[in-house]
Amino acid sequence: MPRFMTMIRIDENDVPAEGPSPELMERMGELIEEMTKAGVLLETAGLTPTSEGTRVRWSGGKLTVTDGPFTEAKEVIGGYAILQARDQDEAIEWTKRFLQVHENHWTVTSEVREIVEPA
């Protein structure tokens, strides 16, 4: 079965100051448990804010290293999940369910892409 990476994109300037509510964390925990039992969820994690990150870039034959935060970025990857699903449609359905556990004041975008397996 193919694997898919779901990249969870957020606007760090638009995240609720208090962070995720206990209710959101409970709903997310229940969904993660369901996905794990179904054999769909292989791995998931949140990422630290860009203020704690570093970008390493190769361009024009030169390396540059830039410490965060990255103010020019509107949306950043706030987390990810690796799913194993029958097809992209199934991966998208699970991703929709993940997004829907969030309260209405959250703005979260998820990009679902198939992982290219080695030949």
C-alpha atoms as a PDB file:
ATOM      1  CA  MET A   1       0.000   0.000   0.000  1.00  0.00           C
ATOM      2  CA  PRO A   2       1.260   3.478  -0.774  1.00  0.00           C
ATOM      3  CA  ARG A   3       2.421   5.866   1.923  1.00  0.00           C
ATOM      4  CA  PHE A   4       1.487   9.533   2.081  1.00  0.00           C
ATOM      5  CA  MET A   5       2.931  12.495   3.939  1.00  0.00           C
ATOM      6  CA  THR A   6       0.460  14.995   5.259  1.00  0.00           C
ATOM      7  CA  MET A   7       2.138  18.312   5.999  1.00  0.00           C
ATOM      8  CA  ILE A   8       0.117  20.424   8.411  1.00  0.00           C
ATOM      9  CA  ARG A   9       0.510  24.097   7.551  1.00  0.00           C
ATOM     10  CA  ILE A  10      -0.299  26.888   9.987  1.00  0.00           C
ATOM     11  CA  ASP A  11       0.208  30.631  10.197  1.00  0.00           C
ATOM     12  CA  GLU A  12       2.294  30.997  13.365  1.00  0.00           C
ATOM     13  CA  ASN A  13       0.939  34.530  13.823  1.00  0.00           C
ATOM     14  CA  ASP A  14      -2.637  33.239  13.840  1.00  0.00           C
ATOM     15  CA  VAL A  15      -2.340  30.358  16.327  1.00  0.00           C
ATOM     16  CA  PRO A  16      -4.427  30.862  19.483  1.00  0.00           C
ATOM     17  CA  ALA A  17      -2.158  32.242  22.215  1.00  0.00           C
ATOM     18  CA  GLU A  18      -3.378  29.610  24.648  1.00  0.00           C
ATOM     19  CA  GLY A  19      -2.538  26.842  22.183  1.00  0.00           C
ATOM     20  CA  PRO A  20      -4.704  23.793  21.616  1.00  0.00           C
ATOM     21  CA  SER A  21      -7.585  23.387  24.034  1.00  0.00           C
ATOM     22  CA  PRO A  22      -7.819  20.273  26.232  1.00  0.00           C
ATOM     23  CA  GLU A  23     -10.908  19.275  24.221  1.00  0.00           C
ATOM     24  CA  LEU A  24      -8.987  19.527  20.945  1.00  0.00           C
ATOM     25  CA  MET A  25      -6.161  17.436  22.366  1.00  0.00           C
ATOM     26  CA  GLU A  26      -8.667  14.818  23.545  1.00  0.00           C
ATOM     27  CA  ARG A  27     -10.383  14.636  20.132  1.00  0.00           C
ATOM     28  CA  MET A  28      -7.006  14.471  18.397  1.00  0.00           C
ATOM     29  CA  GLY A  29      -5.870  11.689  20.731  1.00  0.00           C
ATOM     30  CA  GLU A  30      -9.010   9.679  19.972  1.00  0.00           C
ATOM     31  CA  LEU A  31      -8.543  10.086  16.213  1.00  0.00           C
ATOM     32  CA  ILE A  32      -4.844   9.196  16.412  1.00  0.00           C
ATOM     33  CA  GLU A  33      -5.758   6.049  18.354  1.00  0.00           C
ATOM     34  CA  GLU A  34      -8.406   5.118  15.761  1.00  0.00           C
ATOM     35  CA  MET A  35      -5.987   5.687  12.879  1.00  0.00           C
ATOM     36  CA  THR A  36      -3.260   3.670  14.602  1.00  0.00           C
ATOM     37  CA  LYS A  37      -5.619   0.744  15.263  1.00  0.00           C
ATOM     38  CA  ALA A  38      -6.773   0.880  11.613  1.00  0.00           C
ATOM     39  CA  GLY A  39      -3.129   0.573  10.524  1.00  0.00           C
ATOM     40  CA  VAL A  40      -3.276   3.885   8.646  1.00  0.00           C
ATOM     41  CA  LEU A  41      -1.160   6.121  10.879  1.00  0.00           C
ATOM     42  CA  LEU A  42       2.522   5.216  10.790  1.00  0.00           C
ATOM     43  CA  GLU A  43       3.951   8.352  12.417  1.00  0.00           C
ATOM     44  CA  THR A  44       2.894  11.833  13.463  1.00  0.00           C
ATOM     45  CA  ALA A  45       4.458  14.762  15.303  1.00  0.00           C
ATOM     46  CA  GLY A  46       4.231  18.477  15.821  1.00  0.00           C
ATOM     47  CA  LEU A  47       7.193  20.742  15.126  1.00  0.00           C
ATOM     48  CA  THR A  48       8.719  23.496  17.238  1.00  0.00           C
ATOM     49  CA  PRO A  49       8.057  27.105  16.148  1.00  0.00           C
ATOM     50  CA  THR A  50      10.235  28.601  13.405  1.00  0.00           C
ATOM     51  CA  SER A  51      11.811  30.825  16.054  1.00  0.00           C
ATOM     52  CA  GLU A  52      13.601  27.671  17.214  1.00  0.00           C
ATOM     53  CA  GLY A  53      14.516  26.462  13.722  1.00  0.00           C
ATOM     54  CA  THR A  54      17.306  27.006  11.232  1.00  0.00           C
ATOM     55  CA  ARG A  55      17.201  27.076   7.438  1.00  0.00           C
ATOM     56  CA  VAL A  56      20.133  25.742   5.446  1.00  0.00           C
ATOM     57  CA  ARG A  57      20.033  26.786   1.782  1.00  0.00           C
ATOM     58  CA  TRP A  58      22.137  25.834  -1.229  1.00  0.00           C
ATOM     59  CA  SER A  59      21.966  28.384  -4.043  1.00  0.00           C
ATOM     60  CA  GLY A  60      24.429  29.488  -6.686  1.00  0.00           C
ATOM     61  CA  GLY A  61      27.051  27.113  -5.352  1.00  0.00           C
ATOM     62  CA  LYS A  62      26.948  28.633  -1.846  1.00  0.00           C
ATOM     63  CA  LEU A  63      25.494  27.571   1.479  1.00  0.00           C
ATOM     64  CA  THR A  64      23.687  29.989   3.762  1.00  0.00           C
ATOM     65  CA  VAL A  65      22.432  29.276   7.257  1.00  0.00           C
ATOM     66  CA  THR A  66      19.630  31.413   8.698  1.00  0.00           C
ATOM     67  CA  ASP A  67      18.226  31.161  12.209  1.00  0.00           C
ATOM     68  CA  GLY A  68      14.473  31.544  12.687  1.00  0.00           C
ATOM     69  CA  PRO A  69      11.989  32.995  12.965  1.00  0.00           C
ATOM     70  CA  PHE A  70      11.345  33.263   9.263  1.00  0.00           C
ATOM     71  CA  THR A  71       9.203  36.380   9.026  1.00  0.00           C
ATOM     72  CA  GLU A  72       8.731  36.173   5.251  1.00  0.00           C
ATOM     73  CA  ALA A  73       6.835  32.881   5.605  1.00  0.00           C
ATOM     74  CA  LYS A  74       3.075  33.240   5.983  1.00  0.00           C
ATOM     75  CA  GLU A  75       2.407  29.538   6.362  1.00  0.00           C
ATOM     76  CA  VAL A  76       4.856  27.108   7.917  1.00  0.00           C
ATOM     77  CA  ILE A  77       4.780  23.385   8.492  1.00  0.00           C
ATOM     78  CA  GLY A  78       3.604  22.934  12.071  1.00  0.00           C
ATOM     79  CA  GLY A  79       3.499  19.150  12.023  1.00  0.00           C
ATOM     80  CA  TYR A  80       3.214  16.100   9.839  1.00  0.00           C
ATOM     81  CA  ALA A  81       1.730  12.636   9.612  1.00  0.00           C
ATOM     82  CA  ILE A  82       2.780   9.643   7.572  1.00  0.00           C
ATOM     83  CA  LEU A  83      -0.181   7.541   6.494  1.00  0.00           C
ATOM     84  CA  GLN A  84      -0.427   4.199   4.748  1.00  0.00           C
ATOM     85  CA  ALA A  85      -3.633   4.111   2.746  1.00  0.00           C
ATOM     86  CA  ARG A  86      -5.184   2.276  -0.194  1.00  0.00           C
ATOM     87  CA  ASP A  87      -4.942   5.421  -2.317  1.00  0.00           C
ATOM     88  CA  GLN A  88      -4.786   9.209  -2.155  1.00  0.00           C
ATOM     89  CA  ASP A  89      -8.563   9.481  -1.729  1.00  0.00           C
ATOM     90  CA  GLU A  90      -8.402   7.475   1.505  1.00  0.00           C
ATOM     91  CA  ALA A  91      -5.440   9.552   2.746  1.00  0.00           C
ATOM     92  CA  ILE A  92      -7.431  12.721   2.016  1.00  0.00           C
ATOM     93  CA  GLU A  93     -10.466  11.395   3.932  1.00  0.00           C
ATOM     94  CA  TRP A  94      -8.336  10.760   7.036  1.00  0.00           C
ATOM     95  CA  THR A  95      -6.754  14.201   6.638  1.00  0.00           C
ATOM     96  CA  LYS A  96     -10.198  15.835   6.484  1.00  0.00           C
ATOM     97  CA  ARG A  97     -11.115  14.121   9.742  1.00  0.00           C
ATOM     98  CA  PHE A  98      -7.902  15.401  11.328  1.00  0.00           C
ATOM     99  CA  LEU A  99      -8.655  18.973  10.276  1.00  0.00           C
ATOM    100  CA  GLN A 100     -12.249  18.740  11.516  1.00  0.00           C
ATOM    101  CA  VAL A 101     -11.213  17.969  15.117  1.00  0.00           C
ATOM    102  CA  HIS A 102      -9.990  21.589  15.343  1.00  0.00           C
ATOM    103  CA  GLU A 103     -12.286  24.321  16.648  1.00  0.00           C
ATOM    104  CA  ASN A 104     -13.663  26.872  14.181  1.00  0.00           C
ATOM    105  CA  HIS A 105     -11.179  29.605  15.230  1.00  0.00           C
ATOM    106  CA  TRP A 106      -8.225  27.527  13.906  1.00  0.00           C
ATOM    107  CA  THR A 107      -6.954  27.931  10.354  1.00  0.00           C
ATOM    108  CA  VAL A 108      -5.095  24.778   9.371  1.00  0.00           C
ATOM    109  CA  THR A 109      -4.163  23.598   5.882  1.00  0.00           C
ATOM    110  CA  SER A 110      -2.909  20.140   5.082  1.00  0.00           C
ATOM    111  CA  GLU A 111      -0.988  19.138   1.988  1.00  0.00           C
ATOM    112  CA  VAL A 112      -1.241  15.413   1.150  1.00  0.00           C
ATOM    113  CA  ARG A 113       1.491  13.950  -1.074  1.00  0.00           C
ATOM    114  CA  GLU A 114       2.418  10.392  -1.922  1.00  0.00           C
ATOM    115  CA  ILE A 115       5.865   9.260  -0.816  1.00  0.00           C
ATOM    116  CA  VAL A 116       7.967   8.007  -3.730  1.00  0.00           C
ATOM    117  CA  GLU A 117       9.151   4.530  -2.843  1.00  0.00           C
ATOM    118  CA  PRO A 118      12.635   3.415  -3.929  1.00  0.00           C
ATOM    119  CA  ALA A 119      12.616   1.416  -7.152  1.00  0.00           C
END
